[in-house]
Amino acid sequence: MFYRYLQRQAHEQPVIFYSCVIGLIGPLIVVTVPPIRKSMGWQYAERLPTTYPGMQLPISLAPLSHPYTVPNRPRVQLTGYDD
């Protein structure tokens, strides 16, 4: 009975029917896609640096290890791009 109703709606009001189908698929994708990505070896992108080079954070604000800090080295001057 429910199948016949859905079939009729798909023929009589396809826009509403398919928008409901897409809306119902969304939460299913949220639950199923991350484990599939993980099983295929997908990893998140590396985090961007969040501190200024050479900036020392107080102990209370510093993470346990600073893997995402910008290296403390002199900046290389670009050449060839002068206006």
PDB file of N, CA and C in Angstrom:
ATOM      1  N   MET A   1       0.824  -1.190   0.000  1.00  0.00           N
ATOM      2  CA  MET A   1       0.000   0.000   0.000  1.00  0.00           C
ATOM      3  C   MET A   1       0.874   1.262   0.000  1.00  0.00           C
ATOM      4  N   PHE A   2       1.878   1.281   0.863  1.00  0.00           N
ATOM      5  CA  PHE A   2       2.763   2.438   0.935  1.00  0.00           C
ATOM      6  C   PHE A   2       3.568   2.578  -0.359  1.00  0.00           C
ATOM      7  N   TYR A   3       3.971   1.432  -0.931  1.00  0.00           N
ATOM      8  CA  TYR A   3       4.722   1.459  -2.185  1.00  0.00           C
ATOM      9  C   TYR A   3       3.894   2.074  -3.308  1.00  0.00           C
ATOM     10  N   ARG A   4       2.623   1.710  -3.371  1.00  0.00           N
ATOM     11  CA  ARG A   4       1.755   2.261  -4.428  1.00  0.00           C
ATOM     12  C   ARG A   4       1.576   3.772  -4.255  1.00  0.00           C
ATOM     13  N   TYR A   5       1.484   4.219  -3.002  1.00  0.00           N
ATOM     14  CA  TYR A   5       1.362   5.656  -2.741  1.00  0.00           C
ATOM     15  C   TYR A   5       2.621   6.380  -3.220  1.00  0.00           C
ATOM     16  N   LEU A   6       3.793   5.827  -2.887  1.00  0.00           N
ATOM     17  CA  LEU A   6       5.043   6.453  -3.318  1.00  0.00           C
ATOM     18  C   LEU A   6       5.161   6.450  -4.841  1.00  0.00           C
ATOM     19  N   GLN A   7       4.739   5.372  -5.457  1.00  0.00           N
ATOM     20  CA  GLN A   7       4.791   5.285  -6.916  1.00  0.00           C
ATOM     21  C   GLN A   7       3.880   6.335  -7.554  1.00  0.00           C
ATOM     22  N   ARG A   8       2.704   6.504  -6.990  1.00  0.00           N
ATOM     23  CA  ARG A   8       1.764   7.498  -7.507  1.00  0.00           C
ATOM     24  C   ARG A   8       2.317   8.913  -7.330  1.00  0.00           C
ATOM     25  N   GLN A   9       2.898   9.181  -6.157  1.00  0.00           N
ATOM     26  CA  GLN A   9       3.474  10.503  -5.911  1.00  0.00           C
ATOM     27  C   GLN A   9       4.646  10.772  -6.860  1.00  0.00           C
ATOM     28  N   ALA A  10       5.434   9.739  -7.143  1.00  0.00           N
ATOM     29  CA  ALA A  10       6.567   9.913  -8.056  1.00  0.00           C
ATOM     30  C   ALA A  10       6.094  10.295  -9.455  1.00  0.00           C
ATOM     31  N   HIS A  11       4.927   9.828  -9.840  1.00  0.00           N
ATOM     32  CA  HIS A  11       4.396  10.155 -11.166  1.00  0.00           C
ATOM     33  C   HIS A  11       3.634  11.475 -11.170  1.00  0.00           C
ATOM     34  N   GLU A  12       2.889  11.751 -10.107  1.00  0.00           N
ATOM     35  CA  GLU A  12       2.055  12.950 -10.087  1.00  0.00           C
ATOM     36  C   GLU A  12       2.802  14.191  -9.602  1.00  0.00           C
ATOM     37  N   GLN A  13       3.667  14.033  -8.624  1.00  0.00           N
ATOM     38  CA  GLN A  13       4.424  15.169  -8.082  1.00  0.00           C
ATOM     39  C   GLN A  13       5.896  14.768  -7.929  1.00  0.00           C
ATOM     40  N   PRO A  14       6.607  14.641  -9.040  1.00  0.00           N
ATOM     41  CA  PRO A  14       7.985  14.135  -8.956  1.00  0.00           C
ATOM     42  C   PRO A  14       8.943  15.053  -8.202  1.00  0.00           C
ATOM     43  N   VAL A  15       8.728  16.359  -8.267  1.00  0.00           N
ATOM     44  CA  VAL A  15       9.637  17.279  -7.583  1.00  0.00           C
ATOM     45  C   VAL A  15       9.570  17.074  -6.077  1.00  0.00           C
ATOM     46  N   ILE A  16       8.376  16.995  -5.543  1.00  0.00           N
ATOM     47  CA  ILE A  16       8.211  16.800  -4.102  1.00  0.00           C
ATOM     48  C   ILE A  16       8.723  15.417  -3.701  1.00  0.00           C
ATOM     49  N   PHE A  17       8.408  14.406  -4.487  1.00  0.00           N
ATOM     50  CA  PHE A  17       8.830  13.041  -4.174  1.00  0.00           C
ATOM     51  C   PHE A  17      10.353  12.938  -4.117  1.00  0.00           C
ATOM     52  N   TYR A  18      11.035  13.408  -5.152  1.00  0.00           N
ATOM     53  CA  TYR A  18      12.492  13.260  -5.191  1.00  0.00           C
ATOM     54  C   TYR A  18      13.189  14.178  -4.195  1.00  0.00           C
ATOM     55  N   SER A  19      12.606  15.318  -3.871  1.00  0.00           N
ATOM     56  CA  SER A  19      13.214  16.152  -2.831  1.00  0.00           C
ATOM     57  C   SER A  19      13.124  15.457  -1.476  1.00  0.00           C
ATOM     58  N   CYS A  20      12.028  14.740  -1.230  1.00  0.00           N
ATOM     59  CA  CYS A  20      11.914  13.963   0.015  1.00  0.00           C
ATOM     60  C   CYS A  20      12.901  12.804   0.027  1.00  0.00           C
ATOM     61  N   VAL A  21      13.086  12.151  -1.110  1.00  0.00           N
ATOM     62  CA  VAL A  21      14.047  11.041  -1.194  1.00  0.00           C
ATOM     63  C   VAL A  21      15.459  11.540  -0.898  1.00  0.00           C
ATOM     64  N   ILE A  22      15.842  12.651  -1.511  1.00  0.00           N
ATOM     65  CA  ILE A  22      17.176  13.212  -1.274  1.00  0.00           C
ATOM     66  C   ILE A  22      17.319  13.640   0.185  1.00  0.00           C
ATOM     67  N   GLY A  23      16.266  14.220   0.755  1.00  0.00           N
ATOM     68  CA  GLY A  23      16.305  14.617   2.157  1.00  0.00           C
ATOM     69  C   GLY A  23      16.446  13.444   3.103  1.00  0.00           C
ATOM     70  N   LEU A  24      15.887  12.297   2.744  1.00  0.00           N
ATOM     71  CA  LEU A  24      16.010  11.110   3.592  1.00  0.00           C
ATOM     72  C   LEU A  24      17.359  10.410   3.414  1.00  0.00           C
ATOM     73  N   ILE A  25      17.984  10.575   2.266  1.00  0.00           N
ATOM     74  CA  ILE A  25      19.285   9.953   2.025  1.00  0.00           C
ATOM     75  C   ILE A  25      20.396  10.696   2.777  1.00  0.00           C
ATOM     76  N   GLY A  26      20.237  11.991   3.016  1.00  0.00           N
ATOM     77  CA  GLY A  26      21.268  12.793   3.674  1.00  0.00           C
ATOM     78  C   GLY A  26      21.762  12.225   4.994  1.00  0.00           C
ATOM     79  N   PRO A  27      20.869  11.980   5.976  1.00  0.00           N
ATOM     80  CA  PRO A  27      21.344  11.418   7.247  1.00  0.00           C
ATOM     81  C   PRO A  27      21.985  10.039   7.088  1.00  0.00           C
ATOM     82  N   LEU A  28      21.516   9.258   6.139  1.00  0.00           N
ATOM     83  CA  LEU A  28      22.113   7.947   5.895  1.00  0.00           C
ATOM     84  C   LEU A  28      23.557   8.095   5.411  1.00  0.00           C
ATOM     85  N   ILE A  29      23.803   9.078   4.561  1.00  0.00           N
ATOM     86  CA  ILE A  29      25.156   9.320   4.059  1.00  0.00           C
ATOM     87  C   ILE A  29      26.077   9.778   5.188  1.00  0.00           C
ATOM     88  N   VAL A  30      25.568  10.610   6.088  1.00  0.00           N
ATOM     89  CA  VAL A  30      26.377  11.097   7.209  1.00  0.00           C
ATOM     90  C   VAL A  30      26.868   9.937   8.067  1.00  0.00           C
ATOM     91  N   VAL A  31      26.055   8.904   8.201  1.00  0.00           N
ATOM     92  CA  VAL A  31      26.413   7.762   9.037  1.00  0.00           C
ATOM     93  C   VAL A  31      27.309   6.767   8.298  1.00  0.00           C
ATOM     94  N   THR A  32      27.122   6.593   7.001  1.00  0.00           N
ATOM     95  CA  THR A  32      27.829   5.530   6.279  1.00  0.00           C
ATOM     96  C   THR A  32      29.117   5.959   5.584  1.00  0.00           C
ATOM     97  N   VAL A  33      29.238   7.188   5.144  1.00  0.00           N
ATOM     98  CA  VAL A  33      30.400   7.584   4.349  1.00  0.00           C
ATOM     99  C   VAL A  33      31.702   7.629   5.161  1.00  0.00           C
ATOM    100  N   PRO A  34      31.761   8.206   6.371  1.00  0.00           N
ATOM    101  CA  PRO A  34      33.048   8.246   7.084  1.00  0.00           C
ATOM    102  C   PRO A  34      33.698   6.875   7.310  1.00  0.00           C
ATOM    103  N   PRO A  35      32.959   5.834   7.724  1.00  0.00           N
ATOM    104  CA  PRO A  35      33.630   4.532   7.854  1.00  0.00           C
ATOM    105  C   PRO A  35      34.145   3.981   6.519  1.00  0.00           C
ATOM    106  N   ILE A  36      33.421   4.242   5.440  1.00  0.00           N
ATOM    107  CA  ILE A  36      33.875   3.778   4.123  1.00  0.00           C
ATOM    108  C   ILE A  36      35.150   4.511   3.727  1.00  0.00           C
ATOM    109  N   ARG A  37      35.196   5.822   3.950  1.00  0.00           N
ATOM    110  CA  ARG A  37      36.404   6.588   3.646  1.00  0.00           C
ATOM    111  C   ARG A  37      37.589   6.070   4.454  1.00  0.00           C
ATOM    112  N   LYS A  38      37.358   5.820   5.746  1.00  0.00           N
ATOM    113  CA  LYS A  38      38.428   5.339   6.616  1.00  0.00           C
ATOM    114  C   LYS A  38      38.948   3.985   6.137  1.00  0.00           C
ATOM    115  N   SER A  39      38.050   3.107   5.700  1.00  0.00           N
ATOM    116  CA  SER A  39      38.478   1.787   5.226  1.00  0.00           C
ATOM    117  C   SER A  39      39.278   1.880   3.928  1.00  0.00           C
ATOM    118  N   MET A  40      39.089   2.951   3.165  1.00  0.00           N
ATOM    119  CA  MET A  40      39.832   3.132   1.916  1.00  0.00           C
ATOM    120  C   MET A  40      41.138   3.892   2.123  1.00  0.00           C
ATOM    121  N   GLY A  41      41.439   4.274   3.370  1.00  0.00           N
ATOM    122  CA  GLY A  41      42.701   4.946   3.658  1.00  0.00           C
ATOM    123  C   GLY A  41      42.652   6.454   3.565  1.00  0.00           C
ATOM    124  N   TRP A  42      41.474   7.038   3.463  1.00  0.00           N
ATOM    125  CA  TRP A  42      41.357   8.490   3.370  1.00  0.00           C
ATOM    126  C   TRP A  42      41.714   9.119   4.707  1.00  0.00           C
ATOM    127  N   GLN A  43      42.458  10.229   4.671  1.00  0.00           N
ATOM    128  CA  GLN A  43      42.845  10.929   5.891  1.00  0.00           C
ATOM    129  C   GLN A  43      42.486  12.396   5.755  1.00  0.00           C
ATOM    130  N   TYR A  44      42.296  13.040   6.901  1.00  0.00           N
ATOM    131  CA  TYR A  44      42.027  14.466   6.899  1.00  0.00           C
ATOM    132  C   TYR A  44      43.259  15.222   6.412  1.00  0.00           C
ATOM    133  N   ALA A  45      43.047  16.406   5.869  1.00  0.00           N
ATOM    134  CA  ALA A  45      44.163  17.239   5.439  1.00  0.00           C
ATOM    135  C   ALA A  45      44.944  17.709   6.658  1.00  0.00           C
ATOM    136  N   GLU A  46      46.222  17.978   6.460  1.00  0.00           N
ATOM    137  CA  GLU A  46      47.064  18.437   7.551  1.00  0.00           C
ATOM    138  C   GLU A  46      46.593  19.809   8.018  1.00  0.00           C
ATOM    139  N   ARG A  47      46.584  20.004   9.330  1.00  0.00           N
ATOM    140  CA  ARG A  47      46.099  21.271   9.878  1.00  0.00           C
ATOM    141  C   ARG A  47      47.036  22.415   9.529  1.00  0.00           C
ATOM    142  N   LEU A  48      46.464  23.613   9.372  1.00  0.00           N
ATOM    143  CA  LEU A  48      47.247  24.801   9.077  1.00  0.00           C
ATOM    144  C   LEU A  48      47.923  25.304  10.344  1.00  0.00           C
ATOM    145  N   PRO A  49      49.069  25.982  10.213  1.00  0.00           N
ATOM    146  CA  PRO A  49      49.725  26.547  11.395  1.00  0.00           C
ATOM    147  C   PRO A  49      48.826  27.592  12.046  1.00  0.00           C
ATOM    148  N   THR A  50      48.813  27.610  13.362  1.00  0.00           N
ATOM    149  CA  THR A  50      47.955  28.548  14.082  1.00  0.00           C
ATOM    150  C   THR A  50      48.737  29.543  14.915  1.00  0.00           C
ATOM    151  N   THR A  51      50.066  29.473  14.891  1.00  0.00           N
ATOM    152  CA  THR A  51      50.859  30.416  15.677  1.00  0.00           C
ATOM    153  C   THR A  51      51.808  31.162  14.760  1.00  0.00           C
ATOM    154  N   TYR A  52      52.252  32.303  15.210  1.00  0.00           N
ATOM    155  CA  TYR A  52      53.214  33.106  14.480  1.00  0.00           C
ATOM    156  C   TYR A  52      54.603  32.516  14.713  1.00  0.00           C
ATOM    157  N   PRO A  53      55.497  32.560  13.723  1.00  0.00           N
ATOM    158  CA  PRO A  53      56.834  31.982  13.915  1.00  0.00           C
ATOM    159  C   PRO A  53      57.554  32.586  15.113  1.00  0.00           C
ATOM    160  N   GLY A  54      58.102  31.737  15.952  1.00  0.00           N
ATOM    161  CA  GLY A  54      58.868  32.185  17.106  1.00  0.00           C
ATOM    162  C   GLY A  54      58.023  32.598  18.287  1.00  0.00           C
ATOM    163  N   MET A  55      56.716  32.553  18.157  1.00  0.00           N
ATOM    164  CA  MET A  55      55.842  32.974  19.258  1.00  0.00           C
ATOM    165  C   MET A  55      55.823  31.893  20.331  1.00  0.00           C
ATOM    166  N   GLN A  56      56.084  32.272  21.566  1.00  0.00           N
ATOM    167  CA  GLN A  56      56.066  31.332  22.675  1.00  0.00           C
ATOM    168  C   GLN A  56      54.743  31.462  23.408  1.00  0.00           C
ATOM    169  N   LEU A  57      54.029  30.354  23.531  1.00  0.00           N
ATOM    170  CA  LEU A  57      52.759  30.359  24.235  1.00  0.00           C
ATOM    171  C   LEU A  57      52.982  30.065  25.706  1.00  0.00           C
ATOM    172  N   PRO A  58      52.154  30.633  26.582  1.00  0.00           N
ATOM    173  CA  PRO A  58      52.242  30.251  27.988  1.00  0.00           C
ATOM    174  C   PRO A  58      51.962  28.753  28.132  1.00  0.00           C
ATOM    175  N   ILE A  59      52.483  28.166  29.196  1.00  0.00           N
ATOM    176  CA  ILE A  59      52.327  26.723  29.408  1.00  0.00           C
ATOM    177  C   ILE A  59      50.853  26.331  29.403  1.00  0.00           C
ATOM    178  N   SER A  60      49.988  27.176  29.971  1.00  0.00           N
ATOM    179  CA  SER A  60      48.572  26.831  30.060  1.00  0.00           C
ATOM    180  C   SER A  60      47.900  26.802  28.687  1.00  0.00           C
ATOM    181  N   LEU A  61      48.409  27.567  27.717  1.00  0.00           N
ATOM    182  CA  LEU A  61      47.802  27.620  26.389  1.00  0.00           C
ATOM    183  C   LEU A  61      48.496  26.712  25.380  1.00  0.00           C
ATOM    184  N   ALA A  62      49.706  26.280  25.707  1.00  0.00           N
ATOM    185  CA  ALA A  62      50.472  25.486  24.755  1.00  0.00           C
ATOM    186  C   ALA A  62      49.982  24.046  24.733  1.00  0.00           C
ATOM    187  N   PRO A  63      49.838  23.477  23.537  1.00  0.00           N
ATOM    188  CA  PRO A  63      49.517  22.050  23.484  1.00  0.00           C
ATOM    189  C   PRO A  63      50.701  21.223  23.977  1.00  0.00           C
ATOM    190  N   LEU A  64      50.492  19.941  24.205  1.00  0.00           N
ATOM    191  CA  LEU A  64      51.562  19.095  24.733  1.00  0.00           C
ATOM    192  C   LEU A  64      52.760  19.061  23.797  1.00  0.00           C
ATOM    193  N   SER A  65      52.547  18.953  22.530  1.00  0.00           N
ATOM    194  CA  SER A  65      53.626  19.058  21.549  1.00  0.00           C
ATOM    195  C   SER A  65      53.137  20.022  20.472  1.00  0.00           C
ATOM    196  N   HIS A  66      54.050  20.750  19.880  1.00  0.00           N
ATOM    197  CA  HIS A  66      53.682  21.769  18.895  1.00  0.00           C
ATOM    198  C   HIS A  66      53.887  21.234  17.482  1.00  0.00           C
ATOM    199  N   PRO A  67      53.026  20.347  16.999  1.00  0.00           N
ATOM    200  CA  PRO A  67      53.248  19.809  15.652  1.00  0.00           C
ATOM    201  C   PRO A  67      52.806  20.750  14.543  1.00  0.00           C
ATOM    202  N   TYR A  68      52.041  21.787  14.862  1.00  0.00           N
ATOM    203  CA  TYR A  68      51.476  22.627  13.812  1.00  0.00           C
ATOM    204  C   TYR A  68      52.008  24.051  13.851  1.00  0.00           C
ATOM    205  N   THR A  69      53.146  24.293  14.498  1.00  0.00           N
ATOM    206  CA  THR A  69      53.674  25.648  14.549  1.00  0.00           C
ATOM    207  C   THR A  69      54.469  25.941  13.283  1.00  0.00           C
ATOM    208  N   VAL A  70      54.564  27.216  12.939  1.00  0.00           N
ATOM    209  CA  VAL A  70      55.323  27.645  11.774  1.00  0.00           C
ATOM    210  C   VAL A  70      56.805  27.597  12.141  1.00  0.00           C
ATOM    211  N   PRO A  71      57.679  27.118  11.261  1.00  0.00           N
ATOM    212  CA  PRO A  71      59.101  27.019  11.590  1.00  0.00           C
ATOM    213  C   PRO A  71      59.713  28.382  11.881  1.00  0.00           C
ATOM    214  N   ASN A  72      60.637  28.424  12.828  1.00  0.00           N
ATOM    215  CA  ASN A  72      61.311  29.660  13.218  1.00  0.00           C
ATOM    216  C   ASN A  72      62.601  29.767  12.409  1.00  0.00           C
ATOM    217  N   ARG A  73      62.507  30.334  11.202  1.00  0.00           N
ATOM    218  CA  ARG A  73      63.659  30.504  10.327  1.00  0.00           C
ATOM    219  C   ARG A  73      63.477  31.793   9.544  1.00  0.00           C
ATOM    220  N   PRO A  74      64.555  32.329   8.986  1.00  0.00           N
ATOM    221  CA  PRO A  74      64.402  33.565   8.207  1.00  0.00           C
ATOM    222  C   PRO A  74      63.549  33.322   6.966  1.00  0.00           C
ATOM    223  N   ARG A  75      62.782  34.330   6.609  1.00  0.00           N
ATOM    224  CA  ARG A  75      61.924  34.219   5.435  1.00  0.00           C
ATOM    225  C   ARG A  75      62.746  34.464   4.169  1.00  0.00           C
ATOM    226  N   VAL A  76      62.443  33.711   3.135  1.00  0.00           N
ATOM    227  CA  VAL A  76      63.140  33.856   1.859  1.00  0.00           C
ATOM    228  C   VAL A  76      62.479  34.991   1.086  1.00  0.00           C
ATOM    229  N   GLN A  77      63.310  35.931   0.619  1.00  0.00           N
ATOM    230  CA  GLN A  77      62.798  37.083  -0.121  1.00  0.00           C
ATOM    231  C   GLN A  77      62.486  36.667  -1.555  1.00  0.00           C
ATOM    232  N   LEU A  78      61.279  36.937  -2.031  1.00  0.00           N
ATOM    233  CA  LEU A  78      60.897  36.606  -3.400  1.00  0.00           C
ATOM    234  C   LEU A  78      61.529  37.584  -4.379  1.00  0.00           C
ATOM    235  N   THR A  79      61.898  37.076  -5.545  1.00  0.00           N
ATOM    236  CA  THR A  79      62.432  37.948  -6.594  1.00  0.00           C
ATOM    237  C   THR A  79      61.697  37.641  -7.890  1.00  0.00           C
ATOM    238  N   GLY A  80      61.617  38.640  -8.749  1.00  0.00           N
ATOM    239  CA  GLY A  80      61.001  38.439 -10.046  1.00  0.00           C
ATOM    240  C   GLY A  80      59.533  38.807 -10.113  1.00  0.00           C
ATOM    241  N   TYR A  81      58.960  39.260  -9.018  1.00  0.00           N
ATOM    242  CA  TYR A  81      57.547  39.618  -9.018  1.00  0.00           C
ATOM    243  C   TYR A  81      57.338  41.107  -8.753  1.00  0.00           C
ATOM    244  N   ASP A  82      58.345  41.927  -8.992  1.00  0.00           N
ATOM    245  CA  ASP A  82      58.232  43.363  -8.741  1.00  0.00           C
ATOM    246  C   ASP A  82      57.343  44.010  -9.789  1.00  0.00           C
ATOM    247  N   ASP A  83      56.582  45.007  -9.362  1.00  0.00           N
ATOM    248  CA  ASP A  83      55.724  45.744 -10.297  1.00  0.00           C
ATOM    249  C   ASP A  83      56.487  46.863 -10.947  1.00  0.00           C
TER     250      ASP A  83
END
